[in-house]
Amino acid sequence: MLKRCTALLAAAGLALTTTACGGSEPARADDKLAVVAAFYPLEYLAKRIGGDAVTVTGLAKPGAEPHDLELTLNQVSQVADADLVVYLRGFQPAVDEAVEGQAADHAFDAAAVAPLLDAAAGGHEHEGEAAGEEAHAEEEAGPDPHLWLDPARLADVGDALAKRLAEVDGSQDFAGRARALRADLTTLDGEFTAGLKTCERREIVTSHAAFGYLAARYQLEQVAITGLSPESEPSIQRLTTVAGEAREHGATTIFFETLVSPDVAKTIADKVGARTAVLDPLEGLQPGAAGDYLSVMRTNLSTLKSALGCS
């Protein structure tokens, strides 16, 4: 603890004192493992698999957009002192930096469980558009971190997390809790497969490119207005292209998200005479929101079935 704290205070330009760091790492009276989770889906995973054997602290607060999270000194200290840090490399640069500097020996990277998909805005290339869309395509390049929107992938991450937790404390039945979680996620996956099997449309127009895994899993096509960052601004040409895609496919709904402004989605909806609706990427829950990963995903399914005309 003292060595980690020295590094933290030195990085922050603060003088080392015993009162600043507490002198030594306090014993945990409840004997629970201290797990730090970078953002909501990983926090949900850690709580389900850790059960009563862990205390989970989330770094991204409810209602806050997690992509651009900036860590406080206290949060960096939590990363350093945790028994395990659960994160997804490439999703939150500040967390990546903290893990590299303070938790390289006690971190679990969800992105390392299976190769990530490449990001894609989706949509069809029309004659004369390829050159104009080149800049947008470059913006989309790179791995897509939103793997938790595929329940089957999330179950795989859960199995791997259970093994990692067992390495920290072999006395707990993390594998049993992972099996229970997989059963729940398999049920959810079956509901999505059946619910989206027969639909009038298969294109989903989204405010940002967060739904590639969901689209790939259930044979949908994502047409994203902006890229992987939900706060990026689309060009006029991109807005025109997406509006054209929406008209071509008879889209009745343009999707926006809970944690970002709906203005761009409403702009497209007004252009094509569509309505707007929330499709939640589950990067973070709203403060005081009822439900969890499973219930929000089921709300997403209901929203998609209505928007796509599924029987």
C-alpha atoms as a PDB file:
ATOM      1  CA  MET A   1       0.000   0.000   0.000  1.00  0.00           C
ATOM      2  CA  LEU A   2       2.733   2.515   1.020  1.00  0.00           C
ATOM      3  CA  LYS A   3       4.714   1.891  -2.177  1.00  0.00           C
ATOM      4  CA  ARG A   4       1.606   2.371  -4.332  1.00  0.00           C
ATOM      5  CA  CYS A   5       0.607   5.505  -2.434  1.00  0.00           C
ATOM      6  CA  THR A   6       4.105   6.974  -2.841  1.00  0.00           C
ATOM      7  CA  ALA A   7       3.788   6.566  -6.610  1.00  0.00           C
ATOM      8  CA  LEU A   8       0.315   8.080  -6.615  1.00  0.00           C
ATOM      9  CA  LEU A   9       1.310  11.139  -4.615  1.00  0.00           C
ATOM     10  CA  ALA A  10       4.488  11.608  -6.614  1.00  0.00           C
ATOM     11  CA  ALA A  11       2.451  11.510  -9.825  1.00  0.00           C
ATOM     12  CA  ALA A  12       0.107  14.113  -8.402  1.00  0.00           C
ATOM     13  CA  GLY A  13       2.959  16.306  -7.154  1.00  0.00           C
ATOM     14  CA  LEU A  14       1.955  15.860  -3.479  1.00  0.00           C
ATOM     15  CA  ALA A  15       4.150  15.341  -0.472  1.00  0.00           C
ATOM     16  CA  LEU A  16       4.091  11.879   1.108  1.00  0.00           C
ATOM     17  CA  THR A  17       2.680  11.820   4.629  1.00  0.00           C
ATOM     18  CA  THR A  18       1.397   9.011   6.790  1.00  0.00           C
ATOM     19  CA  THR A  19      -1.935  10.798   7.149  1.00  0.00           C
ATOM     20  CA  ALA A  20      -2.324  11.040   3.379  1.00  0.00           C
ATOM     21  CA  CYS A  21      -1.928   7.310   2.908  1.00  0.00           C
ATOM     22  CA  GLY A  22      -2.871   5.805   6.210  1.00  0.00           C
ATOM     23  CA  GLY A  23       0.586   4.279   6.713  1.00  0.00           C
ATOM     24  CA  SER A  24      -0.400   0.735   5.726  1.00  0.00           C
ATOM     25  CA  GLU A  25      -3.233  -0.998   3.930  1.00  0.00           C
ATOM     26  CA  PRO A  26      -6.139  -1.564   6.354  1.00  0.00           C
ATOM     27  CA  ALA A  27      -7.321  -5.116   6.937  1.00  0.00           C
ATOM     28  CA  ARG A  28     -10.764  -5.915   5.545  1.00  0.00           C
ATOM     29  CA  ALA A  29     -12.906  -6.987   8.485  1.00  0.00           C
ATOM     30  CA  ASP A  30     -15.428  -8.661   6.224  1.00  0.00           C
ATOM     31  CA  ASP A  31     -12.727 -10.572   4.297  1.00  0.00           C
ATOM     32  CA  LYS A  32     -14.340  -9.590   1.000  1.00  0.00           C
ATOM     33  CA  LEU A  33     -12.297  -9.028  -2.128  1.00  0.00           C
ATOM     34  CA  ALA A  34     -12.141  -5.396  -3.241  1.00  0.00           C
ATOM     35  CA  VAL A  35     -13.047  -5.235  -6.936  1.00  0.00           C
ATOM     36  CA  VAL A  36     -12.983  -2.023  -8.966  1.00  0.00           C
ATOM     37  CA  ALA A  37     -15.078  -2.045 -12.168  1.00  0.00           C
ATOM     38  CA  ALA A  38     -14.514   0.557 -14.863  1.00  0.00           C
ATOM     39  CA  PHE A  39     -18.145   1.094 -15.949  1.00  0.00           C
ATOM     40  CA  TYR A  40     -21.641  -0.338 -15.566  1.00  0.00           C
ATOM     41  CA  PRO A  41     -21.714  -3.606 -17.594  1.00  0.00           C
ATOM     42  CA  LEU A  42     -18.460  -4.722 -15.969  1.00  0.00           C
ATOM     43  CA  GLU A  43     -19.758  -3.661 -12.570  1.00  0.00           C
ATOM     44  CA  TYR A  44     -22.863  -5.800 -13.163  1.00  0.00           C
ATOM     45  CA  LEU A  45     -20.675  -8.719 -14.211  1.00  0.00           C
ATOM     46  CA  ALA A  46     -18.428  -8.409 -11.152  1.00  0.00           C
ATOM     47  CA  LYS A  47     -21.382  -8.269  -8.762  1.00  0.00           C
ATOM     48  CA  ARG A  48     -23.139 -11.258 -10.329  1.00  0.00           C
ATOM     49  CA  ILE A  49     -20.041 -13.437 -10.360  1.00  0.00           C
ATOM     50  CA  GLY A  50     -18.456 -12.134  -7.174  1.00  0.00           C
ATOM     51  CA  GLY A  51     -21.634 -12.346  -5.128  1.00  0.00           C
ATOM     52  CA  ASP A  52     -21.195 -11.951  -1.370  1.00  0.00           C
ATOM     53  CA  ALA A  53     -17.470 -12.612  -1.681  1.00  0.00           C
ATOM     54  CA  VAL A  54     -16.679  -9.208  -3.201  1.00  0.00           C
ATOM     55  CA  THR A  55     -17.238  -5.522  -2.675  1.00  0.00           C
ATOM     56  CA  VAL A  56     -17.518  -3.816  -6.060  1.00  0.00           C
ATOM     57  CA  THR A  57     -16.719  -0.139  -6.636  1.00  0.00           C
ATOM     58  CA  GLY A  58     -17.677   1.427  -9.969  1.00  0.00           C
ATOM     59  CA  LEU A  59     -15.500   4.173 -11.412  1.00  0.00           C
ATOM     60  CA  ALA A  60     -18.116   5.642 -13.773  1.00  0.00           C
ATOM     61  CA  LYS A  61     -20.946   7.171 -11.792  1.00  0.00           C
ATOM     62  CA  PRO A  62     -24.635   6.682 -12.750  1.00  0.00           C
ATOM     63  CA  GLY A  63     -25.755   9.182 -15.346  1.00  0.00           C
ATOM     64  CA  ALA A  64     -22.201  10.023 -16.451  1.00  0.00           C
ATOM     65  CA  GLU A  65     -20.938   9.220 -19.931  1.00  0.00           C
ATOM     66  CA  PRO A  66     -18.066   6.749 -19.304  1.00  0.00           C
ATOM     67  CA  HIS A  67     -15.996   7.185 -22.504  1.00  0.00           C
ATOM     68  CA  ASP A  68     -14.242  10.347 -21.332  1.00  0.00           C
ATOM     69  CA  LEU A  69     -14.061   9.520 -17.630  1.00  0.00           C
ATOM     70  CA  GLU A  70     -11.382  11.434 -15.725  1.00  0.00           C
ATOM     71  CA  LEU A  71     -10.229   9.774 -12.520  1.00  0.00           C
ATOM     72  CA  THR A  72      -9.786  11.552  -9.220  1.00  0.00           C
ATOM     73  CA  LEU A  73      -6.720  10.837  -7.086  1.00  0.00           C
ATOM     74  CA  ASN A  74      -8.942   8.827  -4.770  1.00  0.00           C
ATOM     75  CA  GLN A  75     -10.156   6.680  -7.675  1.00  0.00           C
ATOM     76  CA  VAL A  76      -6.584   6.063  -8.837  1.00  0.00           C
ATOM     77  CA  SER A  77      -5.819   4.978  -5.280  1.00  0.00           C
ATOM     78  CA  GLN A  78      -8.784   2.580  -5.400  1.00  0.00           C
ATOM     79  CA  VAL A  79      -7.385   1.110  -8.626  1.00  0.00           C
ATOM     80  CA  ALA A  80      -3.979   0.667  -6.994  1.00  0.00           C
ATOM     81  CA  ASP A  81      -5.317  -0.938  -3.810  1.00  0.00           C
ATOM     82  CA  ALA A  82      -7.966  -3.234  -5.314  1.00  0.00           C
ATOM     83  CA  ASP A  83      -7.626  -6.988  -5.284  1.00  0.00           C
ATOM     84  CA  LEU A  84      -8.793  -6.922  -8.895  1.00  0.00           C
ATOM     85  CA  VAL A  85      -9.569  -4.187 -11.433  1.00  0.00           C
ATOM     86  CA  VAL A  86     -12.065  -5.139 -14.143  1.00  0.00           C
ATOM     87  CA  TYR A  87     -11.791  -2.919 -17.209  1.00  0.00           C
ATOM     88  CA  LEU A  88     -11.919  -2.936 -21.007  1.00  0.00           C
ATOM     89  CA  ARG A  89      -8.738  -1.692 -22.625  1.00  0.00           C
ATOM     90  CA  GLY A  90      -9.300   0.945 -25.274  1.00  0.00           C
ATOM     91  CA  PHE A  91     -12.650   2.152 -23.961  1.00  0.00           C
ATOM     92  CA  GLN A  92     -11.566   4.633 -21.270  1.00  0.00           C
ATOM     93  CA  PRO A  93      -8.073   6.115 -21.740  1.00  0.00           C
ATOM     94  CA  ALA A  94      -7.831   7.382 -18.147  1.00  0.00           C
ATOM     95  CA  VAL A  95      -8.591   3.904 -16.787  1.00  0.00           C
ATOM     96  CA  ASP A  96      -6.094   2.328 -19.187  1.00  0.00           C
ATOM     97  CA  GLU A  97      -3.424   4.730 -17.893  1.00  0.00           C
ATOM     98  CA  ALA A  98      -4.254   4.046 -14.252  1.00  0.00           C
ATOM     99  CA  VAL A  99      -4.173   0.277 -14.770  1.00  0.00           C
ATOM    100  CA  GLU A 100      -0.857   0.440 -16.606  1.00  0.00           C
ATOM    101  CA  GLY A 101       0.708   2.543 -13.868  1.00  0.00           C
ATOM    102  CA  GLN A 102      -0.920   1.123 -10.751  1.00  0.00           C
ATOM    103  CA  ALA A 103      -2.605  -2.225 -11.408  1.00  0.00           C
ATOM    104  CA  ALA A 104      -0.782  -4.111 -14.137  1.00  0.00           C
ATOM    105  CA  ASP A 105      -0.433  -7.119 -11.820  1.00  0.00           C
ATOM    106  CA  HIS A 106      -4.046  -7.201 -10.619  1.00  0.00           C
ATOM    107  CA  ALA A 107      -6.217  -6.300 -13.606  1.00  0.00           C
ATOM    108  CA  PHE A 108      -8.670  -8.218 -15.773  1.00  0.00           C
ATOM    109  CA  ASP A 109      -9.120  -6.936 -19.338  1.00  0.00           C
ATOM    110  CA  ALA A 110     -12.498  -7.926 -20.787  1.00  0.00           C
ATOM    111  CA  ALA A 111     -11.269  -7.050 -24.274  1.00  0.00           C
ATOM    112  CA  ALA A 112      -8.660  -9.818 -24.075  1.00  0.00           C
ATOM    113  CA  VAL A 113     -11.220 -12.628 -23.751  1.00  0.00           C
ATOM    114  CA  ALA A 114     -11.995 -12.746 -27.486  1.00  0.00           C
ATOM    115  CA  PRO A 115     -11.003 -10.642 -30.514  1.00  0.00           C
ATOM    116  CA  LEU A 116     -13.063  -7.464 -30.781  1.00  0.00           C
ATOM    117  CA  LEU A 117     -15.069  -6.668 -33.892  1.00  0.00           C
ATOM    118  CA  ASP A 118     -13.997  -3.791 -36.098  1.00  0.00           C
ATOM    119  CA  ALA A 119     -16.174  -0.710 -35.757  1.00  0.00           C
ATOM    120  CA  ALA A 120     -18.556  -0.023 -38.619  1.00  0.00           C
ATOM    121  CA  ALA A 121     -21.042   2.763 -39.189  1.00  0.00           C
ATOM    122  CA  GLY A 122     -23.032   0.557 -41.566  1.00  0.00           C
ATOM    123  CA  GLY A 123     -25.204   1.603 -44.452  1.00  0.00           C
ATOM    124  CA  HIS A 124     -24.784   0.987 -48.144  1.00  0.00           C
ATOM    125  CA  GLU A 125     -22.289   2.693 -50.410  1.00  0.00           C
ATOM    126  CA  HIS A 126     -24.077   4.591 -53.141  1.00  0.00           C
ATOM    127  CA  GLU A 127     -22.617   5.780 -56.423  1.00  0.00           C
ATOM    128  CA  GLY A 128     -20.570   8.949 -55.949  1.00  0.00           C
ATOM    129  CA  GLU A 129     -20.461   8.721 -52.172  1.00  0.00           C
ATOM    130  CA  ALA A 130     -17.328   6.666 -51.577  1.00  0.00           C
ATOM    131  CA  ALA A 131     -14.820   9.550 -51.710  1.00  0.00           C
ATOM    132  CA  GLY A 132     -16.965  11.857 -49.628  1.00  0.00           C
ATOM    133  CA  GLU A 133     -17.439   9.275 -46.914  1.00  0.00           C
ATOM    134  CA  GLU A 134     -13.738   8.426 -46.683  1.00  0.00           C
ATOM    135  CA  ALA A 135     -13.132  10.674 -43.675  1.00  0.00           C
ATOM    136  CA  HIS A 136     -16.089   9.179 -41.855  1.00  0.00           C
ATOM    137  CA  ALA A 137     -14.870   5.656 -42.571  1.00  0.00           C
ATOM    138  CA  GLU A 138     -11.469   6.545 -41.101  1.00  0.00           C
ATOM    139  CA  GLU A 139     -13.191   7.847 -37.978  1.00  0.00           C
ATOM    140  CA  GLU A 140     -14.936   4.488 -37.577  1.00  0.00           C
ATOM    141  CA  ALA A 141     -11.759   2.438 -37.980  1.00  0.00           C
ATOM    142  CA  GLY A 142     -10.521   0.412 -35.055  1.00  0.00           C
ATOM    143  CA  PRO A 143     -11.881  -2.117 -32.579  1.00  0.00           C
ATOM    144  CA  ASP A 144     -15.409  -1.710 -31.259  1.00  0.00           C
ATOM    145  CA  PRO A 145     -15.426  -2.048 -27.446  1.00  0.00           C
ATOM    146  CA  HIS A 146     -19.205  -2.495 -26.971  1.00  0.00           C
ATOM    147  CA  LEU A 147     -19.029  -6.288 -26.649  1.00  0.00           C
ATOM    148  CA  TRP A 148     -21.525  -6.433 -23.741  1.00  0.00           C
ATOM    149  CA  LEU A 149     -24.413  -5.835 -26.169  1.00  0.00           C
ATOM    150  CA  ASP A 150     -23.963  -9.435 -27.340  1.00  0.00           C
ATOM    151  CA  PRO A 151     -25.181 -11.595 -24.422  1.00  0.00           C
ATOM    152  CA  ALA A 152     -23.193 -14.600 -25.625  1.00  0.00           C
ATOM    153  CA  ARG A 153     -19.945 -12.623 -25.601  1.00  0.00           C
ATOM    154  CA  LEU A 154     -20.752 -11.220 -22.177  1.00  0.00           C
ATOM    155  CA  ALA A 155     -21.239 -14.768 -20.880  1.00  0.00           C
ATOM    156  CA  ASP A 156     -17.770 -15.678 -22.185  1.00  0.00           C
ATOM    157  CA  VAL A 157     -16.302 -12.665 -20.383  1.00  0.00           C
ATOM    158  CA  GLY A 158     -18.108 -13.808 -17.240  1.00  0.00           C
ATOM    159  CA  ASP A 159     -16.558 -17.272 -17.422  1.00  0.00           C
ATOM    160  CA  ALA A 160     -13.091 -15.769 -17.817  1.00  0.00           C
ATOM    161  CA  LEU A 161     -13.680 -13.345 -14.942  1.00  0.00           C
ATOM    162  CA  ALA A 162     -14.731 -16.235 -12.693  1.00  0.00           C
ATOM    163  CA  LYS A 163     -11.420 -17.989 -13.411  1.00  0.00           C
ATOM    164  CA  ARG A 164      -9.482 -14.807 -12.670  1.00  0.00           C
ATOM    165  CA  LEU A 165     -11.312 -14.253  -9.382  1.00  0.00           C
ATOM    166  CA  ALA A 166     -10.642 -17.868  -8.415  1.00  0.00           C
ATOM    167  CA  GLU A 167      -6.929 -17.174  -8.831  1.00  0.00           C
ATOM    168  CA  VAL A 168      -7.282 -14.433  -6.219  1.00  0.00           C
ATOM    169  CA  ASP A 169      -9.474 -16.473  -3.836  1.00  0.00           C
ATOM    170  CA  GLY A 170      -9.829 -20.152  -4.589  1.00  0.00           C
ATOM    171  CA  SER A 171     -12.241 -20.787  -1.722  1.00  0.00           C
ATOM    172  CA  GLN A 172     -15.237 -19.198  -3.477  1.00  0.00           C
ATOM    173  CA  ASP A 173     -17.660 -20.696  -6.019  1.00  0.00           C
ATOM    174  CA  PHE A 174     -17.170 -18.048  -8.690  1.00  0.00           C
ATOM    175  CA  ALA A 175     -17.598 -20.685 -11.407  1.00  0.00           C
ATOM    176  CA  GLY A 176     -21.042 -21.609 -10.073  1.00  0.00           C
ATOM    177  CA  ARG A 177     -22.180 -17.996 -10.159  1.00  0.00           C
ATOM    178  CA  ALA A 178     -20.772 -17.643 -13.672  1.00  0.00           C
ATOM    179  CA  ARG A 179     -22.854 -20.642 -14.763  1.00  0.00           C
ATOM    180  CA  ALA A 180     -25.973 -19.031 -13.288  1.00  0.00           C
ATOM    181  CA  LEU A 181     -25.206 -15.813 -15.133  1.00  0.00           C
ATOM    182  CA  ARG A 182     -24.615 -17.714 -18.380  1.00  0.00           C
ATOM    183  CA  ALA A 183     -28.018 -19.371 -17.991  1.00  0.00           C
ATOM    184  CA  ASP A 184     -29.672 -15.958 -17.654  1.00  0.00           C
ATOM    185  CA  LEU A 185     -27.764 -14.564 -20.631  1.00  0.00           C
ATOM    186  CA  THR A 186     -28.576 -17.635 -22.742  1.00  0.00           C
ATOM    187  CA  THR A 187     -32.264 -17.097 -22.009  1.00  0.00           C
ATOM    188  CA  LEU A 188     -31.925 -13.441 -22.982  1.00  0.00           C
ATOM    189  CA  ASP A 189     -30.098 -14.397 -26.183  1.00  0.00           C
ATOM    190  CA  GLY A 190     -32.924 -16.769 -27.085  1.00  0.00           C
ATOM    191  CA  GLU A 191     -35.505 -14.036 -26.541  1.00  0.00           C
ATOM    192  CA  PHE A 192     -33.618 -11.691 -28.874  1.00  0.00           C
ATOM    193  CA  THR A 193     -33.183 -14.400 -31.515  1.00  0.00           C
ATOM    194  CA  ALA A 194     -36.880 -15.292 -31.489  1.00  0.00           C
ATOM    195  CA  GLY A 195     -38.108 -11.707 -31.160  1.00  0.00           C
ATOM    196  CA  LEU A 196     -36.042 -10.376 -34.071  1.00  0.00           C
ATOM    197  CA  LYS A 197     -36.349 -13.398 -36.347  1.00  0.00           C
ATOM    198  CA  THR A 198     -39.145 -12.058 -38.533  1.00  0.00           C
ATOM    199  CA  CYS A 199     -39.196  -8.286 -38.995  1.00  0.00           C
ATOM    200  CA  GLU A 200     -40.296  -5.950 -41.774  1.00  0.00           C
ATOM    201  CA  ARG A 201     -36.997  -4.067 -41.545  1.00  0.00           C
ATOM    202  CA  ARG A 202     -33.542  -5.011 -40.332  1.00  0.00           C
ATOM    203  CA  GLU A 203     -31.790  -1.615 -40.381  1.00  0.00           C
ATOM    204  CA  ILE A 204     -31.352   0.294 -37.114  1.00  0.00           C
ATOM    205  CA  VAL A 205     -30.436   3.982 -37.403  1.00  0.00           C
ATOM    206  CA  THR A 206     -28.533   4.882 -34.228  1.00  0.00           C
ATOM    207  CA  SER A 207     -27.026   8.064 -32.850  1.00  0.00           C
ATOM    208  CA  HIS A 208     -23.584   6.474 -32.500  1.00  0.00           C
ATOM    209  CA  ALA A 209     -21.879   3.245 -33.514  1.00  0.00           C
ATOM    210  CA  ALA A 210     -22.439   1.341 -30.278  1.00  0.00           C
ATOM    211  CA  PHE A 211     -24.630  -1.493 -31.554  1.00  0.00           C
ATOM    212  CA  GLY A 212     -22.348  -3.411 -33.909  1.00  0.00           C
ATOM    213  CA  TYR A 213     -22.242  -6.514 -31.692  1.00  0.00           C
ATOM    214  CA  LEU A 214     -26.003  -6.567 -31.252  1.00  0.00           C
ATOM    215  CA  ALA A 215     -26.494  -6.117 -34.992  1.00  0.00           C
ATOM    216  CA  ALA A 216     -23.999  -8.862 -35.849  1.00  0.00           C
ATOM    217  CA  ARG A 217     -25.537 -11.304 -33.358  1.00  0.00           C
ATOM    218  CA  TYR A 218     -29.123 -10.874 -34.584  1.00  0.00           C
ATOM    219  CA  GLN A 219     -28.590 -10.233 -38.312  1.00  0.00           C
ATOM    220  CA  LEU A 220     -29.439  -6.531 -38.170  1.00  0.00           C
ATOM    221  CA  GLU A 221     -27.694  -3.671 -39.948  1.00  0.00           C
ATOM    222  CA  GLN A 222     -26.505  -0.703 -37.934  1.00  0.00           C
ATOM    223  CA  VAL A 223     -26.555   2.700 -39.649  1.00  0.00           C
ATOM    224  CA  ALA A 224     -24.783   5.040 -37.245  1.00  0.00           C
ATOM    225  CA  ILE A 225     -24.958   8.818 -37.393  1.00  0.00           C
ATOM    226  CA  THR A 226     -21.661   9.285 -35.540  1.00  0.00           C
ATOM    227  CA  GLY A 227     -18.718   7.072 -34.665  1.00  0.00           C
ATOM    228  CA  LEU A 228     -17.588   5.243 -31.560  1.00  0.00           C
ATOM    229  CA  SER A 229     -17.592   8.426 -29.499  1.00  0.00           C
ATOM    230  CA  PRO A 230     -21.187   9.475 -28.743  1.00  0.00           C
ATOM    231  CA  GLU A 231     -20.117  13.111 -28.456  1.00  0.00           C
ATOM    232  CA  SER A 232     -18.546  13.415 -31.908  1.00  0.00           C
ATOM    233  CA  GLU A 233     -20.234  15.773 -34.366  1.00  0.00           C
ATOM    234  CA  PRO A 234     -21.415  14.335 -37.699  1.00  0.00           C
ATOM    235  CA  SER A 235     -20.664  16.207 -40.892  1.00  0.00           C
ATOM    236  CA  ILE A 236     -23.464  17.633 -43.028  1.00  0.00           C
ATOM    237  CA  GLN A 237     -22.623  14.975 -45.616  1.00  0.00           C
ATOM    238  CA  ARG A 238     -22.962  12.218 -43.039  1.00  0.00           C
ATOM    239  CA  LEU A 239     -26.347  13.551 -41.927  1.00  0.00           C
ATOM    240  CA  THR A 240     -27.472  13.596 -45.562  1.00  0.00           C
ATOM    241  CA  THR A 241     -26.199  10.055 -46.138  1.00  0.00           C
ATOM    242  CA  VAL A 242     -27.924   8.663 -43.052  1.00  0.00           C
ATOM    243  CA  ALA A 243     -31.175  10.440 -43.917  1.00  0.00           C
ATOM    244  CA  GLY A 244     -30.986   8.842 -47.354  1.00  0.00           C
ATOM    245  CA  GLU A 245     -30.438   5.407 -45.822  1.00  0.00           C
ATOM    246  CA  ALA A 246     -33.366   5.924 -43.487  1.00  0.00           C
ATOM    247  CA  ARG A 247     -35.678   6.866 -46.368  1.00  0.00           C
ATOM    248  CA  GLU A 248     -34.455   3.999 -48.543  1.00  0.00           C
ATOM    249  CA  HIS A 249     -35.208   1.419 -45.868  1.00  0.00           C
ATOM    250  CA  GLY A 250     -38.443   2.971 -44.674  1.00  0.00           C
ATOM    251  CA  ALA A 251     -37.114   3.560 -41.164  1.00  0.00           C
ATOM    252  CA  THR A 252     -39.890   4.557 -38.799  1.00  0.00           C
ATOM    253  CA  THR A 253     -37.608   5.168 -35.813  1.00  0.00           C
ATOM    254  CA  ILE A 254     -34.293   6.935 -35.236  1.00  0.00           C
ATOM    255  CA  PHE A 255     -32.629   5.792 -32.040  1.00  0.00           C
ATOM    256  CA  PHE A 256     -30.886   7.978 -29.478  1.00  0.00           C
ATOM    257  CA  GLU A 257     -29.360   7.196 -26.089  1.00  0.00           C
ATOM    258  CA  THR A 258     -29.985   8.007 -22.457  1.00  0.00           C
ATOM    259  CA  LEU A 259     -26.666   9.717 -21.697  1.00  0.00           C
ATOM    260  CA  VAL A 260     -26.248  11.985 -24.737  1.00  0.00           C
ATOM    261  CA  SER A 261     -28.294  14.703 -26.411  1.00  0.00           C
ATOM    262  CA  PRO A 262     -31.084  13.462 -28.719  1.00  0.00           C
ATOM    263  CA  ASP A 263     -30.764  16.527 -30.991  1.00  0.00           C
ATOM    264  CA  VAL A 264     -28.925  14.830 -33.887  1.00  0.00           C
ATOM    265  CA  ALA A 265     -31.331  11.884 -33.901  1.00  0.00           C
ATOM    266  CA  LYS A 266     -34.263  14.295 -33.894  1.00  0.00           C
ATOM    267  CA  THR A 267     -32.737  16.164 -36.839  1.00  0.00           C
ATOM    268  CA  ILE A 268     -32.660  12.965 -38.911  1.00  0.00           C
ATOM    269  CA  ALA A 269     -36.152  11.981 -37.739  1.00  0.00           C
ATOM    270  CA  ASP A 270     -37.564  15.347 -38.809  1.00  0.00           C
ATOM    271  CA  LYS A 271     -35.938  14.999 -42.231  1.00  0.00           C
ATOM    272  CA  VAL A 272     -37.490  11.607 -42.934  1.00  0.00           C
ATOM    273  CA  GLY A 273     -40.773  11.833 -41.020  1.00  0.00           C
ATOM    274  CA  ALA A 274     -39.777   9.259 -38.419  1.00  0.00           C
ATOM    275  CA  ARG A 275     -40.117   9.206 -34.654  1.00  0.00           C
ATOM    276  CA  THR A 276     -37.325   8.886 -32.093  1.00  0.00           C
ATOM    277  CA  ALA A 277     -36.895   6.284 -29.359  1.00  0.00           C
ATOM    278  CA  VAL A 278     -34.269   5.302 -26.803  1.00  0.00           C
ATOM    279  CA  LEU A 279     -31.995   2.353 -27.539  1.00  0.00           C
ATOM    280  CA  ASP A 280     -29.800   2.017 -24.473  1.00  0.00           C
ATOM    281  CA  PRO A 281     -26.148   1.001 -25.017  1.00  0.00           C
ATOM    282  CA  LEU A 282     -25.902   0.235 -21.284  1.00  0.00           C
ATOM    283  CA  GLU A 283     -22.648   2.096 -20.835  1.00  0.00           C
ATOM    284  CA  GLY A 284     -24.123   3.561 -17.667  1.00  0.00           C
ATOM    285  CA  LEU A 285     -27.473   3.594 -15.911  1.00  0.00           C
ATOM    286  CA  GLN A 286     -29.340   6.785 -15.039  1.00  0.00           C
ATOM    287  CA  PRO A 287     -29.284   7.790 -11.345  1.00  0.00           C
ATOM    288  CA  GLY A 288     -32.072   5.989  -9.521  1.00  0.00           C
ATOM    289  CA  ALA A 289     -32.929   3.874 -12.553  1.00  0.00           C
ATOM    290  CA  ALA A 290     -34.837   0.703 -11.821  1.00  0.00           C
ATOM    291  CA  GLY A 291     -33.645  -2.582 -13.271  1.00  0.00           C
ATOM    292  CA  ASP A 292     -30.310  -3.960 -14.370  1.00  0.00           C
ATOM    293  CA  TYR A 293     -28.530  -5.250 -17.465  1.00  0.00           C
ATOM    294  CA  LEU A 294     -31.127  -7.950 -18.139  1.00  0.00           C
ATOM    295  CA  SER A 295     -34.174  -5.713 -17.753  1.00  0.00           C
ATOM    296  CA  VAL A 296     -32.713  -2.861 -19.818  1.00  0.00           C
ATOM    297  CA  MET A 297     -31.763  -5.287 -22.580  1.00  0.00           C
ATOM    298  CA  ARG A 298     -35.324  -6.609 -22.585  1.00  0.00           C
ATOM    299  CA  THR A 299     -36.585  -3.037 -22.890  1.00  0.00           C
ATOM    300  CA  ASN A 300     -34.237  -2.629 -25.861  1.00  0.00           C
ATOM    301  CA  LEU A 301     -35.715  -5.780 -27.406  1.00  0.00           C
ATOM    302  CA  SER A 302     -39.258  -4.473 -27.028  1.00  0.00           C
ATOM    303  CA  THR A 303     -38.225  -1.154 -28.573  1.00  0.00           C
ATOM    304  CA  LEU A 304     -36.539  -2.874 -31.523  1.00  0.00           C
ATOM    305  CA  LYS A 305     -39.521  -5.154 -32.197  1.00  0.00           C
ATOM    306  CA  SER A 306     -41.837  -2.148 -32.331  1.00  0.00           C
ATOM    307  CA  ALA A 307     -39.505  -0.080 -34.513  1.00  0.00           C
ATOM    308  CA  LEU A 308     -38.664  -2.868 -36.971  1.00  0.00           C
ATOM    309  CA  GLY A 309     -42.177  -4.267 -37.328  1.00  0.00           C
ATOM    310  CA  CYS A 310     -41.340  -7.693 -35.940  1.00  0.00           C
ATOM    311  CA  SER A 311     -44.042 -10.316 -35.707  1.00  0.00           C
END
